[in-house]
């Protein structure tokens, strides 16, 4: 039940940010969704980066999911990857608005991209949008991306 609630909240939030109608948020702070697993070094490094970022920027909201330890988190991962049309879901995966990052190389690469997406989303949620922004799925492990609209 918790996974369905969280996944629905994610899909509704993502849907609101991606809608074709103007969007105005009560908060200019996007939620960062992080999917990983204990025992995965890339996941641990990505989560450590996001945790440090959250400590330095209390405006950031971080929702972390361990898809191995929690069946609810695993269900949320499946719901989210299906909702965004991710054909080859892998962890770690970070979602900021319509930006999806698969993998984690390091703070100067993937970490910087995640921060940039968050800054972009902060700017966008305070402006009227009359078009649906396109998204980019960034695969840190293969330096390639997949657009999703």
Foldseek 3Di string as FASTA:
>chain_A
DVLVVVLVVVLVQLCLQQDLFWAADPALFWEKEWEEAPPDPQSVQVVVLVVVVCVVPVSYHYHYAHLPVDVSSVSSQVSVCVSQVPPDDDPGWMDTRQEIEHTHDHCVPVVVVVVVSRVVSSVRNHDTHNGGDKYWYAYPVVRDIDITD
